[in-house]
Structure formats: structure tokens, C-alpha cells
Amino acid sequence: METINFYNYQLHISHCNDVEIYHNDAINSTIDTLLSKSHAHYDESQIGDALSTVGLNFDMSGLPEFYNFYSWLVSQISLIRNTYNYKNGRIKFTRTWINQMFEGCEGACHTHPNDVDGVTIFYTRAPENSSDLILVNDSDTLNVPVKPGMLVIHKPDVPHAISKHMSTLPRECIITEFKIIPEIL
């Protein structure tokens, strides 16, 4: 796992080499179904055409087709447990959603709620000329190019944005917010 330091912020980046974990017929069908539901909407934090399931209340970690994905995700979060000052504890996903961006879309700078310990962004689709993740600190920025199978983990207070998506193919990611619940010994 690679760590990028940007001012007082850390980004942990990992890559999933097993495409079947995140890109197969069952997962693709579920993602397409979730995005096509009437509750999927254009995310107000994005400029341009995008779909998001951020408002849906569902737990993807409980869906059988995502079992291997979530097992891998937990293993990656566990590798950086010391970042969250917990040696023991279980990872609880508090919110999960899918964002799909189309050509010309970009995302405004934002952070996540402080009542979670961390955020993951996993890129299932990131075609050539896809948007980058942008870390922001006042007027200074750092562009992080994304690829399919790339996982980014950061604390919720990291200001970040998304550059303009320049591909005619969509960019898609699964975002989670999680807490580490300490084990009582």
C-alpha cells in the first residue's frame, strides 16, 4: 500500500489485482439496477451529469455478489489500522454509495462527516481521460490519477474534489464511510 502525504493529510492507495472481485456480471447488474432506480439522482456536489445512490439506504456489504469485494476492502483497511489508533476492533461500514460520472462532470471540493473514522473510494471504472481525485489545501492542490481497481482510503476531514471527466465512457466508483469499533477486552 502506498501512502501520499499532502500537508497534514494522508491518502492510502492500494490496487486490487483480481478484477473478478469488483467487475463481474452479478456486480455489474446490481450496480446498474441501483443506479437506474428512481431514487438514484444527480448529486448536487457535482457539476455536470452524474448519477449517485448516495440517498439510498442499503447495505451493499450484505449483498452476496459483493462478499469478496468487502472481504478485500476490510483487509486493506486493516493494513492501516494504526492510522486510526485502534489495534483491535471491527470495521463497520456506516454508509455506502455508487457514483457514476459522465463526460464534462466534475465534483466540488468537500469533506465527509466527522462522526466516521475513514472513507474509501474504489474505482470500478476509470477509462482513459477520466477525472482525477484532487486533494485541496487552501489554494494548493494535488491531482491523483485514478485507475480501475484502485482503492483510496483517507480520514473524513481530507478536503478533496474531482477534476472534469473528459471521457465519453462513464467513470464509476463505490464510496464507503466506516467506523472502527474498538473491541472490549
N, C-alpha and C. Protein backbone atom coordinates (compact mmCIF):
# COMPACT_ATOMS: atom_id res chain seq x y z
N MET A 1 0.86 -1.17 0.00
CA MET A 1 0.00 0.00 0.00
C MET A 1 0.90 1.23 0.00
N GLU A 2 0.56 2.18 -0.84
CA GLU A 2 1.30 3.43 -0.96
C GLU A 2 0.61 4.49 -0.11
N THR A 3 1.40 5.36 0.50
CA THR A 3 0.85 6.47 1.27
C THR A 3 1.33 7.78 0.64
N ILE A 4 0.39 8.67 0.39
CA ILE A 4 0.70 10.00 -0.11
C ILE A 4 0.44 10.99 1.01
N ASN A 5 1.43 11.80 1.34
CA ASN A 5 1.28 12.84 2.34
C ASN A 5 1.10 14.18 1.62
N PHE A 6 0.07 14.90 2.01
CA PHE A 6 -0.22 16.21 1.43
C PHE A 6 -0.59 17.12 2.59
N TYR A 7 0.34 17.98 2.96
CA TYR A 7 0.20 18.80 4.15
C TYR A 7 -0.05 17.88 5.34
N ASN A 8 -1.11 18.08 6.11
CA ASN A 8 -1.36 17.23 7.27
C ASN A 8 -2.26 16.04 6.94
N TYR A 9 -2.48 15.79 5.66
CA TYR A 9 -3.40 14.74 5.24
C TYR A 9 -2.64 13.55 4.66
N GLN A 10 -3.22 12.36 4.85
CA GLN A 10 -2.66 11.15 4.27
C GLN A 10 -3.69 10.47 3.41
N LEU A 11 -3.23 9.98 2.28
CA LEU A 11 -4.04 9.16 1.38
C LEU A 11 -3.34 7.82 1.28
N HIS A 12 -4.09 6.74 1.50
CA HIS A 12 -3.54 5.39 1.36
C HIS A 12 -4.11 4.81 0.08
N ILE A 13 -3.23 4.31 -0.78
CA ILE A 13 -3.66 3.82 -2.09
C ILE A 13 -3.23 2.37 -2.26
N SER A 14 -4.19 1.57 -2.69
CA SER A 14 -3.94 0.15 -2.94
C SER A 14 -4.59 -0.21 -4.28
N HIS A 15 -4.19 -1.33 -4.84
CA HIS A 15 -4.76 -1.78 -6.11
C HIS A 15 -5.24 -3.22 -5.96
N CYS A 16 -6.42 -3.49 -6.46
CA CYS A 16 -6.97 -4.84 -6.46
C CYS A 16 -6.60 -5.48 -7.80
N ASN A 17 -5.80 -6.52 -7.74
CA ASN A 17 -5.34 -7.18 -8.96
C ASN A 17 -6.32 -8.23 -9.48
N ASP A 18 -7.32 -8.59 -8.68
CA ASP A 18 -8.31 -9.59 -9.09
C ASP A 18 -9.57 -8.88 -9.58
N VAL A 19 -9.67 -8.69 -10.88
CA VAL A 19 -10.79 -7.96 -11.48
C VAL A 19 -12.13 -8.61 -11.13
N GLU A 20 -12.18 -9.91 -10.97
CA GLU A 20 -13.43 -10.61 -10.65
C GLU A 20 -14.03 -10.15 -9.31
N ILE A 21 -13.21 -9.62 -8.43
CA ILE A 21 -13.70 -9.15 -7.13
C ILE A 21 -14.64 -7.96 -7.29
N TYR A 22 -14.40 -7.13 -8.30
CA TYR A 22 -15.20 -5.91 -8.44
C TYR A 22 -15.86 -5.73 -9.80
N HIS A 23 -15.56 -6.59 -10.74
CA HIS A 23 -16.11 -6.39 -12.09
C HIS A 23 -16.53 -7.75 -12.66
N ASN A 24 -17.78 -8.12 -12.40
CA ASN A 24 -18.32 -9.36 -12.96
C ASN A 24 -19.80 -9.12 -13.25
N ASP A 25 -20.44 -10.08 -13.90
CA ASP A 25 -21.83 -9.89 -14.32
C ASP A 25 -22.77 -9.59 -13.16
N ALA A 26 -22.62 -10.30 -12.04
CA ALA A 26 -23.52 -10.10 -10.90
C ALA A 26 -23.36 -8.70 -10.30
N ILE A 27 -22.12 -8.28 -10.10
CA ILE A 27 -21.87 -6.95 -9.53
C ILE A 27 -22.31 -5.87 -10.50
N ASN A 28 -21.96 -6.01 -11.78
CA ASN A 28 -22.35 -5.00 -12.78
C ASN A 28 -23.86 -4.87 -12.85
N SER A 29 -24.57 -5.98 -12.81
CA SER A 29 -26.03 -5.97 -12.86
C SER A 29 -26.61 -5.24 -11.64
N THR A 30 -26.07 -5.53 -10.46
CA THR A 30 -26.55 -4.88 -9.23
C THR A 30 -26.28 -3.38 -9.28
N ILE A 31 -25.09 -2.98 -9.70
CA ILE A 31 -24.75 -1.56 -9.80
C ILE A 31 -25.69 -0.88 -10.79
N ASP A 32 -25.89 -1.49 -11.96
CA ASP A 32 -26.78 -0.90 -12.97
C ASP A 32 -28.20 -0.76 -12.43
N THR A 33 -28.68 -1.78 -11.71
CA THR A 33 -30.02 -1.74 -11.14
C THR A 33 -30.14 -0.62 -10.10
N LEU A 34 -29.15 -0.52 -9.23
CA LEU A 34 -29.18 0.52 -8.20
C LEU A 34 -29.15 1.92 -8.81
N LEU A 35 -28.31 2.10 -9.83
CA LEU A 35 -28.21 3.41 -10.46
C LEU A 35 -29.46 3.77 -11.26
N SER A 36 -30.17 2.75 -11.75
CA SER A 36 -31.36 3.02 -12.57
C SER A 36 -32.62 3.22 -11.74
N LYS A 37 -32.55 2.93 -10.44
CA LYS A 37 -33.74 3.12 -9.59
C LYS A 37 -34.14 4.58 -9.58
N SER A 38 -35.39 4.81 -9.40
CA SER A 38 -35.88 6.19 -9.42
C SER A 38 -35.28 7.04 -8.32
N HIS A 39 -34.78 6.40 -7.26
CA HIS A 39 -34.19 7.16 -6.16
C HIS A 39 -32.76 7.62 -6.47
N ALA A 40 -32.11 6.97 -7.46
CA ALA A 40 -30.78 7.43 -7.85
C ALA A 40 -30.95 8.81 -8.45
N HIS A 41 -30.08 9.72 -8.12
CA HIS A 41 -30.28 11.10 -8.52
C HIS A 41 -28.97 11.76 -8.92
N TYR A 42 -29.10 12.94 -9.46
CA TYR A 42 -27.93 13.74 -9.75
C TYR A 42 -27.43 14.33 -8.45
N ASP A 43 -26.19 14.07 -8.13
CA ASP A 43 -25.58 14.54 -6.89
C ASP A 43 -25.32 16.04 -6.99
N GLU A 44 -25.83 16.81 -6.03
CA GLU A 44 -25.71 18.27 -6.06
C GLU A 44 -24.28 18.76 -5.89
N SER A 45 -23.38 17.91 -5.35
CA SER A 45 -21.99 18.35 -5.18
C SER A 45 -21.22 18.23 -6.49
N GLN A 46 -21.86 17.71 -7.52
CA GLN A 46 -21.19 17.53 -8.80
C GLN A 46 -21.75 18.50 -9.83
N ILE A 47 -20.87 18.93 -10.69
CA ILE A 47 -21.24 19.84 -11.77
C ILE A 47 -21.25 19.01 -13.04
N GLY A 48 -22.38 18.91 -13.71
CA GLY A 48 -22.48 18.09 -14.90
C GLY A 48 -23.29 16.84 -14.62
N ASP A 49 -23.37 15.97 -15.59
CA ASP A 49 -24.20 14.78 -15.46
C ASP A 49 -23.52 13.68 -14.66
N ALA A 50 -24.19 13.25 -13.61
CA ALA A 50 -23.71 12.17 -12.77
C ALA A 50 -24.91 11.50 -12.10
N LEU A 51 -24.79 10.22 -11.86
CA LEU A 51 -25.78 9.51 -11.07
C LEU A 51 -25.14 9.09 -9.76
N SER A 52 -25.93 9.07 -8.70
CA SER A 52 -25.42 8.68 -7.39
C SER A 52 -26.51 7.96 -6.62
N THR A 53 -26.12 6.95 -5.88
CA THR A 53 -27.06 6.25 -5.00
C THR A 53 -26.90 6.74 -3.56
N VAL A 54 -26.25 7.89 -3.37
CA VAL A 54 -25.94 8.38 -2.03
C VAL A 54 -27.18 8.48 -1.15
N GLY A 55 -28.36 8.70 -1.70
CA GLY A 55 -29.56 8.83 -0.90
C GLY A 55 -30.28 7.52 -0.60
N LEU A 56 -29.84 6.44 -1.23
CA LEU A 56 -30.49 5.15 -0.98
C LEU A 56 -30.01 4.56 0.34
N ASN A 57 -30.88 3.95 1.08
CA ASN A 57 -30.50 3.30 2.32
C ASN A 57 -30.40 1.80 2.08
N PHE A 58 -29.21 1.34 1.79
CA PHE A 58 -28.99 -0.09 1.60
C PHE A 58 -27.58 -0.42 2.05
N ASP A 59 -27.36 -1.68 2.33
CA ASP A 59 -26.07 -2.14 2.81
C ASP A 59 -25.48 -3.08 1.77
N MET A 60 -24.61 -2.55 0.92
CA MET A 60 -24.01 -3.38 -0.12
C MET A 60 -23.13 -4.47 0.49
N SER A 61 -22.61 -4.23 1.70
CA SER A 61 -21.73 -5.23 2.31
C SER A 61 -22.49 -6.52 2.61
N GLY A 62 -23.82 -6.47 2.63
CA GLY A 62 -24.62 -7.66 2.89
C GLY A 62 -25.07 -8.38 1.62
N LEU A 63 -24.75 -7.84 0.45
CA LEU A 63 -25.15 -8.47 -0.80
C LEU A 63 -24.14 -9.56 -1.18
N PRO A 64 -24.61 -10.78 -1.46
CA PRO A 64 -23.69 -11.90 -1.74
C PRO A 64 -22.68 -11.62 -2.85
N GLU A 65 -23.10 -10.91 -3.90
CA GLU A 65 -22.19 -10.65 -5.01
C GLU A 65 -21.04 -9.74 -4.63
N PHE A 66 -21.17 -9.03 -3.50
CA PHE A 66 -20.11 -8.12 -3.05
C PHE A 66 -19.27 -8.71 -1.91
N TYR A 67 -19.51 -9.98 -1.55
CA TYR A 67 -18.81 -10.58 -0.42
C TYR A 67 -17.28 -10.51 -0.59
N ASN A 68 -16.78 -10.95 -1.74
CA ASN A 68 -15.33 -10.94 -1.96
C ASN A 68 -14.77 -9.52 -1.98
N PHE A 69 -15.54 -8.60 -2.56
CA PHE A 69 -15.10 -7.20 -2.58
C PHE A 69 -14.96 -6.66 -1.16
N TYR A 70 -15.98 -6.85 -0.33
CA TYR A 70 -15.93 -6.32 1.03
C TYR A 70 -14.89 -7.03 1.89
N SER A 71 -14.66 -8.31 1.64
CA SER A 71 -13.59 -9.02 2.37
C SER A 71 -12.23 -8.39 2.04
N TRP A 72 -12.02 -8.11 0.74
CA TRP A 72 -10.77 -7.48 0.33
C TRP A 72 -10.68 -6.07 0.91
N LEU A 73 -11.78 -5.32 0.89
CA LEU A 73 -11.80 -3.96 1.41
C LEU A 73 -11.43 -3.94 2.90
N VAL A 74 -12.01 -4.84 3.68
CA VAL A 74 -11.69 -4.93 5.11
C VAL A 74 -10.21 -5.24 5.30
N SER A 75 -9.66 -6.13 4.47
CA SER A 75 -8.24 -6.47 4.60
C SER A 75 -7.36 -5.24 4.34
N GLN A 76 -7.76 -4.39 3.40
CA GLN A 76 -6.97 -3.20 3.09
C GLN A 76 -7.07 -2.16 4.21
N ILE A 77 -8.26 -1.98 4.75
CA ILE A 77 -8.42 -1.04 5.88
C ILE A 77 -7.61 -1.54 7.08
N SER A 78 -7.60 -2.85 7.29
CA SER A 78 -6.86 -3.43 8.41
C SER A 78 -5.36 -3.17 8.31
N LEU A 79 -4.85 -3.04 7.10
CA LEU A 79 -3.42 -2.76 6.92
C LEU A 79 -3.01 -1.40 7.47
N ILE A 80 -3.95 -0.47 7.56
CA ILE A 80 -3.62 0.88 8.03
C ILE A 80 -4.32 1.21 9.35
N ARG A 81 -4.68 0.18 10.08
CA ARG A 81 -5.39 0.35 11.34
C ARG A 81 -4.68 1.32 12.29
N ASN A 82 -3.34 1.32 12.27
CA ASN A 82 -2.60 2.21 13.17
C ASN A 82 -2.88 3.68 12.88
N THR A 83 -3.28 4.01 11.65
CA THR A 83 -3.65 5.39 11.30
C THR A 83 -4.83 5.85 12.14
N TYR A 84 -5.67 4.90 12.54
CA TYR A 84 -6.88 5.23 13.29
C TYR A 84 -6.74 4.93 14.77
N ASN A 85 -5.51 4.63 15.19
CA ASN A 85 -5.19 4.41 16.61
C ASN A 85 -5.95 3.26 17.25
N TYR A 86 -6.36 2.27 16.48
CA TYR A 86 -7.01 1.09 17.03
C TYR A 86 -6.22 -0.13 16.59
N LYS A 87 -5.75 -0.89 17.56
CA LYS A 87 -5.06 -2.13 17.21
C LYS A 87 -6.08 -3.25 17.01
N ASN A 88 -7.13 -3.23 17.80
CA ASN A 88 -8.17 -4.24 17.69
C ASN A 88 -9.51 -3.54 17.50
N GLY A 89 -10.39 -4.19 16.83
CA GLY A 89 -11.71 -3.63 16.61
C GLY A 89 -12.27 -4.14 15.30
N ARG A 90 -13.56 -3.96 15.16
CA ARG A 90 -14.18 -4.41 13.91
C ARG A 90 -14.55 -3.20 13.08
N ILE A 91 -14.52 -3.40 11.78
CA ILE A 91 -14.82 -2.33 10.85
C ILE A 91 -16.30 -2.37 10.55
N LYS A 92 -16.95 -1.24 10.75
CA LYS A 92 -18.39 -1.14 10.48
C LYS A 92 -18.58 -0.10 9.38
N PHE A 93 -19.18 -0.53 8.27
CA PHE A 93 -19.49 0.40 7.19
C PHE A 93 -20.79 1.11 7.54
N THR A 94 -20.72 2.42 7.65
CA THR A 94 -21.90 3.19 8.06
C THR A 94 -22.71 3.68 6.87
N ARG A 95 -22.05 3.83 5.72
CA ARG A 95 -22.75 4.30 4.53
C ARG A 95 -21.95 3.88 3.30
N THR A 96 -22.65 3.43 2.28
CA THR A 96 -22.02 3.03 1.02
C THR A 96 -22.87 3.56 -0.12
N TRP A 97 -22.22 4.07 -1.16
CA TRP A 97 -22.96 4.51 -2.33
C TRP A 97 -22.09 4.40 -3.57
N ILE A 98 -22.74 4.55 -4.71
CA ILE A 98 -22.07 4.47 -6.00
C ILE A 98 -22.24 5.81 -6.70
N ASN A 99 -21.16 6.31 -7.28
CA ASN A 99 -21.22 7.50 -8.13
C ASN A 99 -20.81 7.12 -9.54
N GLN A 100 -21.55 7.59 -10.51
CA GLN A 100 -21.21 7.38 -11.90
C GLN A 100 -21.21 8.76 -12.58
N MET A 101 -20.06 9.13 -13.13
CA MET A 101 -19.90 10.44 -13.77
C MET A 101 -19.85 10.28 -15.28
N PHE A 102 -20.38 11.28 -15.97
CA PHE A 102 -20.37 11.28 -17.42
C PHE A 102 -19.52 12.45 -17.92
N GLU A 103 -19.27 12.46 -19.21
CA GLU A 103 -18.39 13.44 -19.83
C GLU A 103 -18.78 14.87 -19.41
N GLY A 104 -17.76 15.63 -19.00
CA GLY A 104 -17.97 17.02 -18.60
C GLY A 104 -18.28 17.22 -17.13
N CYS A 105 -18.50 16.15 -16.39
CA CYS A 105 -18.85 16.25 -14.97
C CYS A 105 -17.59 16.46 -14.13
N GLU A 106 -17.72 17.22 -13.05
CA GLU A 106 -16.65 17.39 -12.08
C GLU A 106 -17.27 17.50 -10.70
N GLY A 107 -16.48 17.29 -9.67
CA GLY A 107 -17.00 17.33 -8.31
C GLY A 107 -16.39 18.45 -7.50
N ALA A 108 -17.23 19.18 -6.78
CA ALA A 108 -16.79 20.29 -5.94
C ALA A 108 -16.00 19.79 -4.74
N CYS A 109 -15.18 20.65 -4.18
CA CYS A 109 -14.39 20.31 -3.00
C CYS A 109 -15.32 20.05 -1.82
N HIS A 110 -15.05 18.95 -1.10
CA HIS A 110 -15.88 18.59 0.05
C HIS A 110 -15.08 17.71 1.01
N THR A 111 -15.65 17.51 2.18
CA THR A 111 -15.13 16.56 3.17
C THR A 111 -16.29 15.64 3.55
N HIS A 112 -16.04 14.74 4.47
CA HIS A 112 -17.07 13.81 4.93
C HIS A 112 -17.36 14.07 6.41
N PRO A 113 -18.47 13.53 6.93
CA PRO A 113 -18.83 13.79 8.33
C PRO A 113 -17.74 13.35 9.31
N ASN A 114 -17.59 14.11 10.38
CA ASN A 114 -16.56 13.79 11.38
C ASN A 114 -16.95 12.64 12.29
N ASP A 115 -18.17 12.11 12.16
CA ASP A 115 -18.57 11.00 13.03
C ASP A 115 -18.16 9.64 12.47
N VAL A 116 -17.34 9.63 11.40
CA VAL A 116 -16.80 8.38 10.88
C VAL A 116 -15.28 8.42 11.00
N ASP A 117 -14.65 7.26 10.99
CA ASP A 117 -13.19 7.20 11.11
C ASP A 117 -12.48 7.30 9.77
N GLY A 118 -13.14 6.87 8.71
CA GLY A 118 -12.47 6.89 7.42
C GLY A 118 -13.43 6.77 6.26
N VAL A 119 -12.87 7.00 5.08
CA VAL A 119 -13.61 6.97 3.82
C VAL A 119 -12.80 6.12 2.85
N THR A 120 -13.49 5.30 2.06
CA THR A 120 -12.82 4.58 0.98
C THR A 120 -13.48 4.98 -0.33
N ILE A 121 -12.66 5.07 -1.37
CA ILE A 121 -13.15 5.29 -2.72
C ILE A 121 -12.53 4.20 -3.57
N PHE A 122 -13.37 3.37 -4.17
CA PHE A 122 -12.88 2.27 -5.00
C PHE A 122 -13.39 2.49 -6.42
N TYR A 123 -12.47 2.55 -7.35
CA TYR A 123 -12.80 2.85 -8.75
C TYR A 123 -13.04 1.56 -9.53
N THR A 124 -14.30 1.33 -9.89
CA THR A 124 -14.64 0.14 -10.68
C THR A 124 -14.45 0.39 -12.17
N ARG A 125 -14.68 1.63 -12.58
CA ARG A 125 -14.48 2.02 -13.99
C ARG A 125 -13.81 3.40 -14.02
N ALA A 126 -12.70 3.49 -14.71
CA ALA A 126 -11.99 4.76 -14.86
C ALA A 126 -11.30 4.71 -16.22
N PRO A 127 -12.03 5.07 -17.27
CA PRO A 127 -11.46 5.00 -18.62
C PRO A 127 -10.36 6.03 -18.83
N GLU A 128 -9.65 5.90 -19.94
CA GLU A 128 -8.66 6.90 -20.31
C GLU A 128 -9.35 8.27 -20.38
N ASN A 129 -8.66 9.31 -19.96
CA ASN A 129 -9.21 10.68 -19.88
C ASN A 129 -10.27 10.82 -18.79
N SER A 130 -10.20 9.93 -17.81
CA SER A 130 -11.13 10.00 -16.67
C SER A 130 -10.72 11.16 -15.77
N SER A 131 -11.61 11.55 -14.90
CA SER A 131 -11.31 12.61 -13.94
C SER A 131 -10.33 12.09 -12.88
N ASP A 132 -9.58 13.02 -12.30
CA ASP A 132 -8.64 12.71 -11.22
C ASP A 132 -9.27 13.06 -9.89
N LEU A 133 -8.80 12.44 -8.84
CA LEU A 133 -9.09 12.86 -7.48
C LEU A 133 -8.14 14.03 -7.19
N ILE A 134 -8.65 15.09 -6.60
CA ILE A 134 -7.83 16.27 -6.31
C ILE A 134 -7.84 16.53 -4.81
N LEU A 135 -6.66 16.52 -4.20
CA LEU A 135 -6.54 16.92 -2.80
C LEU A 135 -6.39 18.44 -2.76
N VAL A 136 -7.02 19.06 -1.77
CA VAL A 136 -7.05 20.52 -1.72
C VAL A 136 -6.58 21.00 -0.34
N ASN A 137 -5.69 21.99 -0.36
CA ASN A 137 -5.28 22.67 0.87
C ASN A 137 -5.16 24.15 0.53
N ASP A 138 -6.15 24.93 0.91
CA ASP A 138 -6.24 26.34 0.52
C ASP A 138 -6.15 26.44 -1.00
N SER A 139 -5.13 27.14 -1.51
CA SER A 139 -5.03 27.29 -2.96
C SER A 139 -4.12 26.24 -3.60
N ASP A 140 -3.54 25.36 -2.79
CA ASP A 140 -2.66 24.32 -3.31
C ASP A 140 -3.45 23.04 -3.55
N THR A 141 -3.16 22.36 -4.66
CA THR A 141 -3.85 21.11 -4.98
C THR A 141 -2.86 20.04 -5.41
N LEU A 142 -3.28 18.80 -5.30
CA LEU A 142 -2.51 17.66 -5.78
C LEU A 142 -3.46 16.74 -6.52
N ASN A 143 -3.20 16.53 -7.82
CA ASN A 143 -4.02 15.63 -8.62
C ASN A 143 -3.52 14.20 -8.46
N VAL A 144 -4.47 13.29 -8.22
CA VAL A 144 -4.17 11.87 -8.09
C VAL A 144 -4.91 11.15 -9.22
N PRO A 145 -4.19 10.70 -10.26
CA PRO A 145 -4.85 9.98 -11.35
C PRO A 145 -5.43 8.66 -10.84
N VAL A 146 -6.62 8.31 -11.31
CA VAL A 146 -7.28 7.08 -10.85
C VAL A 146 -7.29 6.04 -11.95
N LYS A 147 -7.37 4.77 -11.53
CA LYS A 147 -7.40 3.64 -12.45
C LYS A 147 -8.44 2.65 -11.95
N PRO A 148 -8.97 1.80 -12.84
CA PRO A 148 -9.87 0.74 -12.38
C PRO A 148 -9.13 -0.17 -11.39
N GLY A 149 -9.81 -0.53 -10.32
CA GLY A 149 -9.21 -1.40 -9.31
C GLY A 149 -8.42 -0.66 -8.25
N MET A 150 -8.42 0.65 -8.31
CA MET A 150 -7.67 1.47 -7.35
C MET A 150 -8.55 1.80 -6.15
N LEU A 151 -7.97 1.66 -4.98
CA LEU A 151 -8.64 1.99 -3.73
C LEU A 151 -7.91 3.13 -3.05
N VAL A 152 -8.66 4.13 -2.62
CA VAL A 152 -8.12 5.26 -1.86
C VAL A 152 -8.80 5.24 -0.50
N ILE A 153 -8.01 5.34 0.56
CA ILE A 153 -8.54 5.41 1.92
C ILE A 153 -8.01 6.69 2.55
N HIS A 154 -8.91 7.45 3.18
CA HIS A 154 -8.48 8.67 3.86
C HIS A 154 -9.41 8.97 5.03
N LYS A 155 -8.95 9.85 5.90
CA LYS A 155 -9.78 10.30 7.01
C LYS A 155 -10.86 11.23 6.47
N PRO A 156 -11.96 11.41 7.21
CA PRO A 156 -13.09 12.18 6.68
C PRO A 156 -12.81 13.68 6.50
N ASP A 157 -11.80 14.22 7.17
CA ASP A 157 -11.56 15.66 7.09
C ASP A 157 -10.65 16.07 5.93
N VAL A 158 -10.31 15.15 5.04
CA VAL A 158 -9.44 15.46 3.90
C VAL A 158 -10.26 16.19 2.83
N PRO A 159 -9.97 17.46 2.55
CA PRO A 159 -10.69 18.18 1.50
C PRO A 159 -10.28 17.63 0.13
N HIS A 160 -11.27 17.25 -0.66
CA HIS A 160 -10.98 16.69 -1.98
C HIS A 160 -12.07 17.06 -2.97
N ALA A 161 -11.70 17.03 -4.24
CA ALA A 161 -12.60 17.35 -5.33
C ALA A 161 -12.33 16.36 -6.46
N ILE A 162 -13.06 16.50 -7.55
CA ILE A 162 -12.89 15.64 -8.72
C ILE A 162 -12.75 16.53 -9.94
N SER A 163 -11.68 16.30 -10.71
CA SER A 163 -11.47 17.10 -11.92
C SER A 163 -12.51 16.73 -12.97
N LYS A 164 -12.55 17.50 -14.03
CA LYS A 164 -13.53 17.29 -15.10
C LYS A 164 -13.28 15.96 -15.80
N HIS A 165 -14.36 15.19 -15.94
CA HIS A 165 -14.29 13.89 -16.62
C HIS A 165 -14.35 14.15 -18.12
N MET A 166 -13.30 13.75 -18.84
CA MET A 166 -13.19 14.08 -20.26
C MET A 166 -13.46 12.89 -21.19
N SER A 167 -13.82 11.76 -20.65
CA SER A 167 -14.07 10.58 -21.48
C SER A 167 -15.55 10.48 -21.84
N THR A 168 -15.84 9.87 -22.99
CA THR A 168 -17.23 9.62 -23.37
C THR A 168 -17.76 8.39 -22.63
N LEU A 169 -16.87 7.60 -22.02
CA LEU A 169 -17.27 6.45 -21.21
C LEU A 169 -17.40 6.89 -19.75
N PRO A 170 -18.35 6.33 -19.00
CA PRO A 170 -18.54 6.77 -17.62
C PRO A 170 -17.40 6.35 -16.69
N ARG A 171 -17.24 7.13 -15.64
CA ARG A 171 -16.34 6.81 -14.53
C ARG A 171 -17.22 6.38 -13.37
N GLU A 172 -16.85 5.31 -12.69
CA GLU A 172 -17.71 4.76 -11.65
C GLU A 172 -16.88 4.40 -10.43
N CYS A 173 -17.41 4.71 -9.26
CA CYS A 173 -16.72 4.33 -8.03
C CYS A 173 -17.72 3.98 -6.94
N ILE A 174 -17.25 3.16 -6.01
CA ILE A 174 -18.00 2.78 -4.82
C ILE A 174 -17.35 3.50 -3.65
N ILE A 175 -18.13 4.27 -2.92
CA ILE A 175 -17.60 5.03 -1.78
C ILE A 175 -18.20 4.45 -0.50
N THR A 176 -17.36 4.31 0.52
CA THR A 176 -17.87 3.89 1.82
C THR A 176 -17.34 4.84 2.90
N GLU A 177 -18.13 4.98 3.93
CA GLU A 177 -17.68 5.61 5.16
C GLU A 177 -17.70 4.52 6.21
N PHE A 178 -16.67 4.50 7.07
CA PHE A 178 -16.60 3.42 8.05
C PHE A 178 -16.15 3.93 9.42
N LYS A 179 -16.48 3.12 10.41
CA LYS A 179 -16.01 3.34 11.78
C LYS A 179 -15.26 2.09 12.20
N ILE A 180 -14.30 2.27 13.08
CA ILE A 180 -13.64 1.12 13.70
C ILE A 180 -14.15 1.06 15.13
N ILE A 181 -14.87 0.00 15.42
CA ILE A 181 -15.49 -0.19 16.74
C ILE A 181 -14.50 -0.95 17.61
N PRO A 182 -13.94 -0.30 18.65
CA PRO A 182 -12.93 -0.97 19.48
C PRO A 182 -13.51 -2.21 20.17
N GLU A 183 -12.68 -3.24 20.24
CA GLU A 183 -13.07 -4.45 20.96
C GLU A 183 -12.86 -4.22 22.45
N ILE A 184 -13.79 -4.67 23.23
CA ILE A 184 -13.66 -4.57 24.69
C ILE A 184 -13.03 -5.88 25.16
N LEU A 185 -11.88 -5.76 25.79
CA LEU A 185 -11.15 -6.96 26.23
C LEU A 185 -11.56 -7.38 27.60
